[in-house]
Amino acid sequence: MNKQEYLESLTQDDLFVIIKYGLIGHAPSGVTVEDIYYVIQCNPL
């Protein structure tokens, strides 16, 4: 899965896990904290 596909597929639960545990082991290489922040801004809870 590439970076864009990964970011588009994130669910609310996925975002909670990333916030709690971080990106290590959850995201493909190249995904940054800024990418996750942008996804959260675009998809308010």
C-alpha atoms as a PDB file:
ATOM      1  CA  MET A   1       0.000   0.000   0.000  1.00  0.00           C
ATOM      2  CA  ASN A   2       1.398   3.391  -0.885  1.00  0.00           C
ATOM      3  CA  LYS A   3       1.345   6.486   1.306  1.00  0.00           C
ATOM      4  CA  GLN A   4      -1.770   8.082  -0.243  1.00  0.00           C
ATOM      5  CA  GLU A   5      -3.798   4.853  -0.140  1.00  0.00           C
ATOM      6  CA  TYR A   6      -2.798   4.368   3.482  1.00  0.00           C
ATOM      7  CA  LEU A   7      -3.823   7.899   4.485  1.00  0.00           C
ATOM      8  CA  GLU A   8      -7.159   7.608   2.662  1.00  0.00           C
ATOM      9  CA  SER A   9      -7.936   4.279   4.327  1.00  0.00           C
ATOM     10  CA  LEU A  10      -7.448   5.434   7.923  1.00  0.00           C
ATOM     11  CA  THR A  11     -10.491   5.089  10.154  1.00  0.00           C
ATOM     12  CA  GLN A  12     -11.219   6.931  13.379  1.00  0.00           C
ATOM     13  CA  ASP A  13     -10.036   3.878  15.331  1.00  0.00           C
ATOM     14  CA  ASP A  14      -6.807   3.791  13.305  1.00  0.00           C
ATOM     15  CA  LEU A  15      -6.168   7.440  14.166  1.00  0.00           C
ATOM     16  CA  PHE A  16      -6.762   6.767  17.873  1.00  0.00           C
ATOM     17  CA  VAL A  17      -4.206   3.929  17.782  1.00  0.00           C
ATOM     18  CA  ILE A  18      -1.665   6.156  16.009  1.00  0.00           C
ATOM     19  CA  ILE A  19      -2.199   8.943  18.537  1.00  0.00           C
ATOM     20  CA  LYS A  20      -1.821   6.538  21.447  1.00  0.00           C
ATOM     21  CA  TYR A  21       1.019   4.331  20.188  1.00  0.00           C
ATOM     22  CA  GLY A  22       2.683   6.297  17.366  1.00  0.00           C
ATOM     23  CA  LEU A  23       3.386   5.530  13.734  1.00  0.00           C
ATOM     24  CA  ILE A  24       6.055   2.866  14.216  1.00  0.00           C
ATOM     25  CA  GLY A  25       4.789  -0.442  12.897  1.00  0.00           C
ATOM     26  CA  HIS A  26       1.528   1.067  11.692  1.00  0.00           C
ATOM     27  CA  ALA A  27       2.439   3.155   8.669  1.00  0.00           C
ATOM     28  CA  PRO A  28       4.358   2.636   5.457  1.00  0.00           C
ATOM     29  CA  SER A  29       7.655   4.447   5.153  1.00  0.00           C
ATOM     30  CA  GLY A  30       7.307   8.071   4.183  1.00  0.00           C
ATOM     31  CA  VAL A  31       4.220   8.746   6.308  1.00  0.00           C
ATOM     32  CA  THR A  32       4.927  11.570   8.721  1.00  0.00           C
ATOM     33  CA  VAL A  33       3.245  13.004  11.781  1.00  0.00           C
ATOM     34  CA  GLU A  34       2.310  15.993   9.624  1.00  0.00           C
ATOM     35  CA  ASP A  35       0.438  13.659   7.242  1.00  0.00           C
ATOM     36  CA  ILE A  36      -1.561  12.224  10.144  1.00  0.00           C
ATOM     37  CA  TYR A  37      -2.266  15.700  11.503  1.00  0.00           C
ATOM     38  CA  TYR A  38      -3.619  16.723   8.094  1.00  0.00           C
ATOM     39  CA  VAL A  39      -5.902  13.644   7.977  1.00  0.00           C
ATOM     40  CA  ILE A  40      -7.246  14.493  11.450  1.00  0.00           C
ATOM     41  CA  GLN A  41      -7.886  18.117  10.421  1.00  0.00           C
ATOM     42  CA  CYS A  42      -9.766  16.975   7.301  1.00  0.00           C
ATOM     43  CA  ASN A  43     -11.853  14.434   9.239  1.00  0.00           C
ATOM     44  CA  PRO A  44     -12.910  16.018  12.524  1.00  0.00           C
ATOM     45  CA  LEU A  45     -14.308  13.577  15.047  1.00  0.00           C
END
